[in-house]
C-alpha cells in the first residue's frame, strides 16, 4: 500500500500539485496523471488500485500504464513524499519486471 508521507506538504494550484518535503526542503510539481495519482493517494492505495483507476480514466495500454505507475511510485518513494507499507496481508507489491 502506498500512502502520503506526513513530511509532504502540498497544495493544488490551477490543476497542478506543488509538494514540499519538509524534512529535506525538496520541492516537486505534479500535473496530469501524476496529479491524479497524488489525489488518489489521499487514502492508502495499492499499486493495482492505482493502475486500474488510471486505466479507467485515460487511454493507455495496460503494460505501459503498469510500467509508468511503478516508475512514478518509485520516484515518490525515493523522494520521501510517499511511503510503501505492507498491505493488510502483510506483503508489499512485487517490483514490476
PDB file of N, CA and C in Angstrom:
ATOM      1  N   UNK A   1       0.847  -1.177   0.000  1.00  0.00           N
ATOM      2  CA  UNK A   1       0.000   0.000   0.000  1.00  0.00           C
ATOM      3  C   UNK A   1       0.893   1.242   0.000  1.00  0.00           C
ATOM      4  N   UNK A   2       0.464   2.221  -0.734  1.00  0.00           N
ATOM      5  CA  UNK A   2       1.194   3.483  -0.823  1.00  0.00           C
ATOM      6  C   UNK A   2       0.393   4.558  -0.104  1.00  0.00           C
ATOM      7  N   UNK A   3       1.094   5.348   0.707  1.00  0.00           N
ATOM      8  CA  UNK A   3       0.452   6.417   1.467  1.00  0.00           C
ATOM      9  C   UNK A   3       1.311   7.673   1.390  1.00  0.00           C
ATOM     10  N   UNK A   4       0.663   8.811   1.479  1.00  0.00           N
ATOM     11  CA  UNK A   4       1.393  10.071   1.532  1.00  0.00           C
ATOM     12  C   UNK A   4       2.198  10.146   2.818  1.00  0.00           C
ATOM     13  N   UNK A   5       3.375  10.680   2.716  1.00  0.00           N
ATOM     14  CA  UNK A   5       4.230  10.854   3.888  1.00  0.00           C
ATOM     15  C   UNK A   5       3.772  12.062   4.693  1.00  0.00           C
ATOM     16  N   UNK A   6       3.834  11.980   6.017  1.00  0.00           N
ATOM     17  CA  UNK A   6       3.491  13.147   6.827  1.00  0.00           C
ATOM     18  C   UNK A   6       4.453  14.314   6.598  1.00  0.00           C
ATOM     19  N   UNK A   7       5.622  14.049   6.028  1.00  0.00           N
ATOM     20  CA  UNK A   7       6.586  15.122   5.770  1.00  0.00           C
ATOM     21  C   UNK A   7       6.333  15.832   4.445  1.00  0.00           C
ATOM     22  N   UNK A   8       5.286  15.432   3.741  1.00  0.00           N
ATOM     23  CA  UNK A   8       4.961  16.058   2.455  1.00  0.00           C
ATOM     24  C   UNK A   8       3.870  17.106   2.654  1.00  0.00           C
ATOM     25  N   UNK A   9       4.228  18.354   2.459  1.00  0.00           N
ATOM     26  CA  UNK A   9       3.243  19.433   2.438  1.00  0.00           C
ATOM     27  C   UNK A   9       2.882  19.667   0.988  1.00  0.00           C
ATOM     28  N   UNK A  10       1.621  19.981   0.717  1.00  0.00           N
ATOM     29  CA  UNK A  10       1.228  20.162  -0.668  1.00  0.00           C
ATOM     30  C   UNK A  10       0.054  21.111  -0.788  1.00  0.00           C
ATOM     31  N   UNK A  11      -0.101  21.625  -1.994  1.00  0.00           N
ATOM     32  CA  UNK A  11      -1.252  22.448  -2.331  1.00  0.00           C
ATOM     33  C   UNK A  11      -1.546  22.254  -3.806  1.00  0.00           C
ATOM     34  N   UNK A  12      -2.782  22.520  -4.181  1.00  0.00           N
ATOM     35  CA  UNK A  12      -3.175  22.445  -5.578  1.00  0.00           C
ATOM     36  C   UNK A  12      -3.363  23.863  -6.097  1.00  0.00           C
ATOM     37  N   UNK A  13      -2.817  24.129  -7.275  1.00  0.00           N
ATOM     38  CA  UNK A  13      -2.923  25.441  -7.887  1.00  0.00           C
ATOM     39  C   UNK A  13      -3.144  25.265  -9.379  1.00  0.00           C
ATOM     40  N   UNK A  14      -4.309  25.649  -9.861  1.00  0.00           N
ATOM     41  CA  UNK A  14      -4.641  25.553 -11.282  1.00  0.00           C
ATOM     42  C   UNK A  14      -4.406  24.156 -11.848  1.00  0.00           C
ATOM     43  N   UNK A  15      -4.828  23.124 -11.104  1.00  0.00           N
ATOM     44  CA  UNK A  15      -4.718  21.755 -11.590  1.00  0.00           C
ATOM     45  C   UNK A  15      -3.357  21.118 -11.405  1.00  0.00           C
ATOM     46  N   UNK A  16      -2.407  21.861 -10.857  1.00  0.00           N
ATOM     47  CA  UNK A  16      -1.091  21.300 -10.571  1.00  0.00           C
ATOM     48  C   UNK A  16      -0.936  21.172  -9.068  1.00  0.00           C
ATOM     49  N   UNK A  17      -0.166  20.180  -8.682  1.00  0.00           N
ATOM     50  CA  UNK A  17       0.108  19.978  -7.268  1.00  0.00           C
ATOM     51  C   UNK A  17       1.538  20.383  -6.990  1.00  0.00           C
ATOM     52  N   UNK A  18       1.714  21.210  -5.985  1.00  0.00           N
ATOM     53  CA  UNK A  18       3.033  21.638  -5.540  1.00  0.00           C
ATOM     54  C   UNK A  18       3.299  20.925  -4.226  1.00  0.00           C
ATOM     55  N   UNK A  19       4.399  20.192  -4.166  1.00  0.00           N
ATOM     56  CA  UNK A  19       4.747  19.434  -2.973  1.00  0.00           C
ATOM     57  C   UNK A  19       6.083  19.892  -2.434  1.00  0.00           C
ATOM     58  N   UNK A  20       6.212  19.809  -1.126  1.00  0.00           N
ATOM     59  CA  UNK A  20       7.490  20.087  -0.494  1.00  0.00           C
ATOM     60  C   UNK A  20       7.717  19.044   0.591  1.00  0.00           C
ATOM     61  N   UNK A  21       8.888  18.457   0.574  1.00  0.00           N
ATOM     62  CA  UNK A  21       9.277  17.548   1.633  1.00  0.00           C
ATOM     63  C   UNK A  21       9.893  18.398   2.742  1.00  0.00           C
ATOM     64  N   UNK A  22       9.210  18.501   3.876  1.00  0.00           N
ATOM     65  CA  UNK A  22       9.681  19.391   4.935  1.00  0.00           C
ATOM     66  C   UNK A  22      10.925  18.855   5.644  1.00  0.00           C
ATOM     67  N   UNK A  23      11.233  17.590   5.450  1.00  0.00           N
ATOM     68  CA  UNK A  23      12.433  17.029   6.072  1.00  0.00           C
ATOM     69  C   UNK A  23      13.708  17.476   5.370  1.00  0.00           C
ATOM     70  N   UNK A  24      13.641  17.591   4.035  1.00  0.00           N
ATOM     71  CA  UNK A  24      14.859  17.951   3.295  1.00  0.00           C
ATOM     72  C   UNK A  24      14.711  19.194   2.421  1.00  0.00           C
ATOM     73  N   UNK A  25      13.524  19.806   2.418  1.00  0.00           N
ATOM     74  CA  UNK A  25      13.319  21.026   1.660  1.00  0.00           C
ATOM     75  C   UNK A  25      13.150  20.835   0.168  1.00  0.00           C
ATOM     76  N   UNK A  26      13.048  19.592  -0.297  1.00  0.00           N
ATOM     77  CA  UNK A  26      12.872  19.337  -1.731  1.00  0.00           C
ATOM     78  C   UNK A  26      11.481  19.767  -2.176  1.00  0.00           C
ATOM     79  N   UNK A  27      11.417  20.251  -3.409  1.00  0.00           N
ATOM     80  CA  UNK A  27      10.177  20.792  -3.970  1.00  0.00           C
ATOM     81  C   UNK A  27       9.849  20.050  -5.257  1.00  0.00           C
ATOM     82  N   UNK A  28       8.579  19.724  -5.465  1.00  0.00           N
ATOM     83  CA  UNK A  28       8.149  18.961  -6.634  1.00  0.00           C
ATOM     84  C   UNK A  28       6.847  19.543  -7.179  1.00  0.00           C
ATOM     85  N   UNK A  29       6.652  19.394  -8.482  1.00  0.00           N
ATOM     86  CA  UNK A  29       5.395  19.771  -9.119  1.00  0.00           C
ATOM     87  C   UNK A  29       4.834  18.556  -9.837  1.00  0.00           C
ATOM     88  N   UNK A  30       3.513  18.408  -9.810  1.00  0.00           N
ATOM     89  CA  UNK A  30       2.848  17.303 -10.493  1.00  0.00           C
ATOM     90  C   UNK A  30       1.610  17.820 -11.195  1.00  0.00           C
ATOM     91  N   UNK A  31       1.356  17.261 -12.353  1.00  0.00           N
ATOM     92  CA  UNK A  31       0.131  17.580 -13.099  1.00  0.00           C
ATOM     93  C   UNK A  31      -0.263  16.326 -13.867  1.00  0.00           C
ATOM     94  N   UNK A  32      -1.383  16.381 -14.557  1.00  0.00           N
ATOM     95  CA  UNK A  32      -1.815  15.265 -15.385  1.00  0.00           C
ATOM     96  C   UNK A  32      -1.998  13.995 -14.584  1.00  0.00           C
ATOM     97  N   UNK A  33      -1.472  12.895 -15.117  1.00  0.00           N
ATOM     98  CA  UNK A  33      -1.629  11.603 -14.462  1.00  0.00           C
ATOM     99  C   UNK A  33      -0.933  11.595 -13.103  1.00  0.00           C
ATOM    100  N   UNK A  34       0.215  12.260 -12.997  1.00  0.00           N
ATOM    101  CA  UNK A  34       0.899  12.347 -11.701  1.00  0.00           C
ATOM    102  C   UNK A  34       0.021  13.013 -10.659  1.00  0.00           C
ATOM    103  N   UNK A  35      -0.658  14.077 -11.062  1.00  0.00           N
ATOM    104  CA  UNK A  35      -1.577  14.753 -10.152  1.00  0.00           C
ATOM    105  C   UNK A  35      -2.759  13.865  -9.778  1.00  0.00           C
ATOM    106  N   UNK A  36      -3.235  13.090 -10.757  1.00  0.00           N
ATOM    107  CA  UNK A  36      -4.344  12.168 -10.481  1.00  0.00           C
ATOM    108  C   UNK A  36      -3.918  11.117  -9.457  1.00  0.00           C
ATOM    109  N   UNK A  37      -2.698  10.596  -9.601  1.00  0.00           N
ATOM    110  CA  UNK A  37      -2.199   9.612  -8.641  1.00  0.00           C
ATOM    111  C   UNK A  37      -2.075  10.251  -7.259  1.00  0.00           C
ATOM    112  N   UNK A  38      -1.545  11.472  -7.215  1.00  0.00           N
ATOM    113  CA  UNK A  38      -1.418  12.151  -5.921  1.00  0.00           C
ATOM    114  C   UNK A  38      -2.779  12.309  -5.258  1.00  0.00           C
ATOM    115  N   UNK A  39      -3.793  12.686  -6.028  1.00  0.00           N
ATOM    116  CA  UNK A  39      -5.143  12.823  -5.477  1.00  0.00           C
ATOM    117  C   UNK A  39      -5.640  11.489  -4.932  1.00  0.00           C
ATOM    118  N   UNK A  40      -5.411  10.403  -5.678  1.00  0.00           N
ATOM    119  CA  UNK A  40      -5.868   9.088  -5.238  1.00  0.00           C
ATOM    120  C   UNK A  40      -5.178   8.655  -3.946  1.00  0.00           C
ATOM    121  N   UNK A  41      -3.964   9.153  -3.735  1.00  0.00           N
ATOM    122  CA  UNK A  41      -3.226   8.781  -2.533  1.00  0.00           C
ATOM    123  C   UNK A  41      -3.703   9.526  -1.293  1.00  0.00           C
ATOM    124  N   UNK A  42      -4.829  10.217  -1.417  1.00  0.00           N
ATOM    125  CA  UNK A  42      -5.444  10.822  -0.237  1.00  0.00           C
ATOM    126  C   UNK A  42      -5.783   9.730   0.774  1.00  0.00           C
ATOM    127  N   UNK A  43      -6.077   8.554   0.254  1.00  0.00           N
ATOM    128  CA  UNK A  43      -6.257   7.363   1.079  1.00  0.00           C
ATOM    129  C   UNK A  43      -5.244   6.323   0.604  1.00  0.00           C
ATOM    130  N   UNK A  44      -4.809   5.426   1.468  1.00  0.00           N
ATOM    131  CA  UNK A  44      -3.844   4.410   1.041  1.00  0.00           C
ATOM    132  C   UNK A  44      -4.362   3.611  -0.163  1.00  0.00           C
ATOM    133  N   UNK A  45      -3.484   3.382  -1.105  1.00  0.00           N
ATOM    134  CA  UNK A  45      -3.844   2.681  -2.338  1.00  0.00           C
ATOM    135  C   UNK A  45      -2.779   1.647  -2.660  1.00  0.00           C
ATOM    136  N   UNK A  46      -3.209   0.532  -3.206  1.00  0.00           N
ATOM    137  CA  UNK A  46      -2.250  -0.442  -3.708  1.00  0.00           C
ATOM    138  C   UNK A  46      -1.846  -0.024  -5.118  1.00  0.00           C
ATOM    139  N   UNK A  47      -0.740  -0.557  -5.567  1.00  0.00           N
ATOM    140  CA  UNK A  47      -0.307  -0.294  -6.938  1.00  0.00           C
ATOM    141  C   UNK A  47      -1.377  -0.744  -7.924  1.00  0.00           C
ATOM    142  N   UNK A  48      -1.978  -1.904  -7.686  1.00  0.00           N
ATOM    143  CA  UNK A  48      -3.024  -2.420  -8.576  1.00  0.00           C
ATOM    144  C   UNK A  48      -4.234  -1.487  -8.627  1.00  0.00           C
ATOM    145  N   UNK A  49      -4.622  -0.933  -7.486  1.00  0.00           N
ATOM    146  CA  UNK A  49      -5.759   0.000  -7.452  1.00  0.00           C
ATOM    147  C   UNK A  49      -5.449   1.253  -8.264  1.00  0.00           C
ATOM    148  N   UNK A  50      -4.236   1.761  -8.135  1.00  0.00           N
ATOM    149  CA  UNK A  50      -3.842   2.948  -8.886  1.00  0.00           C
ATOM    150  C   UNK A  50      -3.840   2.664 -10.381  1.00  0.00           C
ATOM    151  N   UNK A  51      -3.303   1.525 -10.768  1.00  0.00           N
ATOM    152  CA  UNK A  51      -3.258   1.157 -12.194  1.00  0.00           C
ATOM    153  C   UNK A  51      -4.668   1.053 -12.755  1.00  0.00           C
ATOM    154  N   UNK A  52      -5.556   0.366 -12.043  1.00  0.00           N
ATOM    155  CA  UNK A  52      -6.933   0.216 -12.530  1.00  0.00           C
ATOM    156  C   UNK A  52      -7.625   1.571 -12.656  1.00  0.00           C
ATOM    157  N   UNK A  53      -7.393   2.456 -11.704  1.00  0.00           N
ATOM    158  CA  UNK A  53      -8.010   3.784 -11.761  1.00  0.00           C
ATOM    159  C   UNK A  53      -7.495   4.571 -12.965  1.00  0.00           C
ATOM    160  N   UNK A  54      -6.202   4.507 -13.216  1.00  0.00           N
ATOM    161  CA  UNK A  54      -5.635   5.214 -14.367  1.00  0.00           C
ATOM    162  C   UNK A  54      -6.172   4.623 -15.669  1.00  0.00           C
ATOM    163  N   UNK A  55      -6.243   3.301 -15.753  1.00  0.00           N
ATOM    164  CA  UNK A  55      -6.773   2.652 -16.956  1.00  0.00           C
ATOM    165  C   UNK A  55      -8.226   3.057 -17.225  1.00  0.00           C
ATOM    166  N   UNK A  56      -8.995   3.278 -16.162  1.00  0.00           N
ATOM    167  CA  UNK A  56     -10.398   3.650 -16.350  1.00  0.00           C
ATOM    168  C   UNK A  56     -10.562   5.114 -16.761  1.00  0.00           C
ATOM    169  N   UNK A  57      -9.554   5.953 -16.486  1.00  0.00           N
ATOM    170  CA  UNK A  57      -9.655   7.381 -16.776  1.00  0.00           C
ATOM    171  C   UNK A  57      -8.938   7.813 -18.047  1.00  0.00           C
ATOM    172  N   UNK A  58      -7.899   7.086 -18.431  1.00  0.00           N
ATOM    173  CA  UNK A  58      -7.045   7.518 -19.532  1.00  0.00           C
ATOM    174  C   UNK A  58      -6.925   6.424 -20.584  1.00  0.00           C
ATOM    175  N   UNK A  59      -6.681   6.829 -21.809  1.00  0.00           N
ATOM    176  CA  UNK A  59      -6.490   5.902 -22.916  1.00  0.00           C
ATOM    177  C   UNK A  59      -5.017   5.500 -22.952  1.00  0.00           C
ATOM    178  N   UNK A  60      -4.707   4.413 -22.272  1.00  0.00           N
ATOM    179  CA  UNK A  60      -3.330   3.943 -22.172  1.00  0.00           C
ATOM    180  C   UNK A  60      -3.349   2.417 -22.129  1.00  0.00           C
ATOM    181  N   UNK A  61      -2.347   1.791 -22.731  1.00  0.00           N
ATOM    182  CA  UNK A  61      -2.261   0.340 -22.700  1.00  0.00           C
ATOM    183  C   UNK A  61      -1.832  -0.129 -21.320  1.00  0.00           C
ATOM    184  N   UNK A  62      -2.348  -1.277 -20.899  1.00  0.00           N
ATOM    185  CA  UNK A  62      -2.091  -1.795 -19.558  1.00  0.00           C
ATOM    186  C   UNK A  62      -0.594  -1.931 -19.261  1.00  0.00           C
ATOM    187  N   UNK A  63       0.167  -2.509 -20.175  1.00  0.00           N
ATOM    188  CA  UNK A  63       1.599  -2.699 -19.923  1.00  0.00           C
ATOM    189  C   UNK A  63       2.315  -1.375 -19.707  1.00  0.00           C
ATOM    190  N   UNK A  64       1.999  -0.398 -20.554  1.00  0.00           N
ATOM    191  CA  UNK A  64       2.625   0.919 -20.423  1.00  0.00           C
ATOM    192  C   UNK A  64       2.198   1.584 -19.121  1.00  0.00           C
ATOM    193  N   UNK A  65       0.920   1.475 -18.802  1.00  0.00           N
ATOM    194  CA  UNK A  65       0.405   2.059 -17.560  1.00  0.00           C
ATOM    195  C   UNK A  65       1.098   1.436 -16.351  1.00  0.00           C
ATOM    196  N   UNK A  66       1.230   0.130 -16.356  1.00  0.00           N
ATOM    197  CA  UNK A  66       1.868  -0.570 -15.242  1.00  0.00           C
ATOM    198  C   UNK A  66       3.304  -0.094 -15.051  1.00  0.00           C
ATOM    199  N   UNK A  67       4.050   0.002 -16.150  1.00  0.00           N
ATOM    200  CA  UNK A  67       5.437   0.468 -16.059  1.00  0.00           C
ATOM    201  C   UNK A  67       5.509   1.909 -15.553  1.00  0.00           C
ATOM    202  N   UNK A  68       4.655   2.760 -16.115  1.00  0.00           N
ATOM    203  CA  UNK A  68       4.693   4.180 -15.759  1.00  0.00           C
ATOM    204  C   UNK A  68       4.263   4.423 -14.316  1.00  0.00           C
ATOM    205  N   UNK A  69       3.216   3.753 -13.873  1.00  0.00           N
ATOM    206  CA  UNK A  69       2.761   3.926 -12.497  1.00  0.00           C
ATOM    207  C   UNK A  69       3.835   3.440 -11.538  1.00  0.00           C
ATOM    208  N   UNK A  70       4.451   2.300 -11.827  1.00  0.00           N
ATOM    209  CA  UNK A  70       5.514   1.785 -10.944  1.00  0.00           C
ATOM    210  C   UNK A  70       6.689   2.757 -10.886  1.00  0.00           C
ATOM    211  N   UNK A  71       7.096   3.274 -12.042  1.00  0.00           N
ATOM    212  CA  UNK A  71       8.216   4.216 -12.074  1.00  0.00           C
ATOM    213  C   UNK A  71       7.882   5.478 -11.286  1.00  0.00           C
ATOM    214  N   UNK A  72       6.658   5.962 -11.419  1.00  0.00           N
ATOM    215  CA  UNK A  72       6.245   7.167 -10.699  1.00  0.00           C
ATOM    216  C   UNK A  72       6.208   6.903  -9.192  1.00  0.00           C
ATOM    217  N   UNK A  73       5.654   5.769  -8.794  1.00  0.00           N
ATOM    218  CA  UNK A  73       5.623   5.429  -7.373  1.00  0.00           C
ATOM    219  C   UNK A  73       7.033   5.296  -6.816  1.00  0.00           C
ATOM    220  N   UNK A  74       7.929   4.709  -7.591  1.00  0.00           N
ATOM    221  CA  UNK A  74       9.324   4.591  -7.156  1.00  0.00           C
ATOM    222  C   UNK A  74       9.935   5.967  -6.911  1.00  0.00           C
ATOM    223  N   UNK A  75       9.631   6.933  -7.792  1.00  0.00           N
ATOM    224  CA  UNK A  75      10.140   8.301  -7.610  1.00  0.00           C
ATOM    225  C   UNK A  75       9.565   8.939  -6.352  1.00  0.00           C
ATOM    226  N   UNK A  76       8.267   8.757  -6.148  1.00  0.00           N
ATOM    227  CA  UNK A  76       7.632   9.338  -4.961  1.00  0.00           C
ATOM    228  C   UNK A  76       8.220   8.755  -3.682  1.00  0.00           C
ATOM    229  N   UNK A  77       8.465   7.461  -3.682  1.00  0.00           N
ATOM    230  CA  UNK A  77       9.056   6.815  -2.511  1.00  0.00           C
ATOM    231  C   UNK A  77      10.493   7.286  -2.324  1.00  0.00           C
ATOM    232  N   UNK A  78      11.255   7.365  -3.416  1.00  0.00           N
ATOM    233  CA  UNK A  78      12.659   7.783  -3.336  1.00  0.00           C
ATOM    234  C   UNK A  78      12.800   9.212  -2.817  1.00  0.00           C
ATOM    235  N   UNK A  79      11.823  10.049  -3.105  1.00  0.00           N
ATOM    236  CA  UNK A  79      11.879  11.443  -2.652  1.00  0.00           C
ATOM    237  C   UNK A  79      11.189  11.637  -1.300  1.00  0.00           C
ATOM    238  N   UNK A  80      10.703  10.547  -0.732  1.00  0.00           N
ATOM    239  CA  UNK A  80      10.130  10.534   0.616  1.00  0.00           C
ATOM    240  C   UNK A  80       8.849  11.356   0.758  1.00  0.00           C
ATOM    241  N   UNK A  81       8.094  11.503  -0.325  1.00  0.00           N
ATOM    242  CA  UNK A  81       6.783  12.153  -0.200  1.00  0.00           C
ATOM    243  C   UNK A  81       5.673  11.110  -0.114  1.00  0.00           C
ATOM    244  N   UNK A  82       6.033   9.856  -0.406  1.00  0.00           N
ATOM    245  CA  UNK A  82       5.119   8.717  -0.292  1.00  0.00           C
ATOM    246  C   UNK A  82       5.905   7.578   0.344  1.00  0.00           C
ATOM    247  N   UNK A  83       5.217   6.788   1.143  1.00  0.00           N
ATOM    248  CA  UNK A  83       5.851   5.598   1.696  1.00  0.00           C
ATOM    249  C   UNK A  83       5.082   4.366   1.241  1.00  0.00           C
ATOM    250  N   UNK A  84       5.807   3.274   1.123  1.00  0.00           N
ATOM    251  CA  UNK A  84       5.187   1.993   0.783  1.00  0.00           C
ATOM    252  C   UNK A  84       5.118   1.178   2.054  1.00  0.00           C
ATOM    253  N   UNK A  85       3.910   0.732   2.363  1.00  0.00           N
ATOM    254  CA  UNK A  85       3.696  -0.033   3.581  1.00  0.00           C
ATOM    255  C   UNK A  85       3.099  -1.380   3.217  1.00  0.00           C
ATOM    256  N   UNK A  86       3.314  -2.368   4.082  1.00  0.00           N
ATOM    257  CA  UNK A  86       2.681  -3.680   3.817  1.00  0.00           C
ATOM    258  C   UNK A  86       1.168  -3.517   3.731  1.00  0.00           C
ATOM    259  N   UNK A  87       0.555  -4.292   2.851  1.00  0.00           N
ATOM    260  CA  UNK A  87      -0.910  -4.256   2.780  1.00  0.00           C
ATOM    261  C   UNK A  87      -1.471  -5.069   3.934  1.00  0.00           C
ATOM    262  N   UNK A  88      -2.771  -5.233   3.963  1.00  0.00           N
ATOM    263  CA  UNK A  88      -3.412  -5.904   5.099  1.00  0.00           C
ATOM    264  C   UNK A  88      -2.974  -7.349   5.235  1.00  0.00           C
ATOM    265  N   UNK A  89      -2.471  -7.956   4.138  1.00  0.00           N
ATOM    266  CA  UNK A  89      -1.979  -9.333   4.196  1.00  0.00           C
ATOM    267  C   UNK A  89      -0.533  -9.374   4.659  1.00  0.00           C
ATOM    268  N   UNK A  90       0.083  -8.186   4.872  1.00  0.00           N
ATOM    269  CA  UNK A  90       1.446  -8.142   5.359  1.00  0.00           C
ATOM    270  C   UNK A  90       2.504  -8.232   4.285  1.00  0.00           C
ATOM    271  N   UNK A  91       2.121  -7.993   3.034  1.00  0.00           N
ATOM    272  CA  UNK A  91       3.089  -8.040   1.948  1.00  0.00           C
ATOM    273  C   UNK A  91       3.082  -6.727   1.202  1.00  0.00           C
ATOM    274  N   UNK A  92       4.160  -6.455   0.519  1.00  0.00           N
ATOM    275  CA  UNK A  92       4.205  -5.303  -0.365  1.00  0.00           C
ATOM    276  C   UNK A  92       4.144  -5.811  -1.791  1.00  0.00           C
ATOM    277  N   UNK A  93       3.798  -4.946  -2.696  1.00  0.00           N
ATOM    278  CA  UNK A  93       3.685  -5.336  -4.098  1.00  0.00           C
ATOM    279  C   UNK A  93       5.066  -5.721  -4.634  1.00  0.00           C
ATOM    280  N   UNK A  94       5.119  -6.780  -5.449  1.00  0.00           N
ATOM    281  CA  UNK A  94       6.406  -7.143  -6.031  1.00  0.00           C
ATOM    282  C   UNK A  94       6.835  -6.123  -7.065  1.00  0.00           C
ATOM    283  N   UNK A  95       8.147  -5.943  -7.246  1.00  0.00           N
ATOM    284  CA  UNK A  95       8.587  -4.999  -8.258  1.00  0.00           C
ATOM    285  C   UNK A  95       8.165  -5.463  -9.647  1.00  0.00           C
ATOM    286  N   UNK A  96       7.836  -4.498 -10.490  1.00  0.00           N
ATOM    287  CA  UNK A  96       7.477  -4.815 -11.874  1.00  0.00           C
ATOM    288  C   UNK A  96       8.711  -5.297 -12.599  1.00  0.00           C
ATOM    289  N   UNK A  97       8.550  -6.253 -13.468  1.00  0.00           N
ATOM    290  CA  UNK A  97       9.736  -6.771 -14.139  1.00  0.00           C
ATOM    291  C   UNK A  97       9.516  -7.049 -15.503  1.00  0.00           C
TER     292      UNK A  97
END
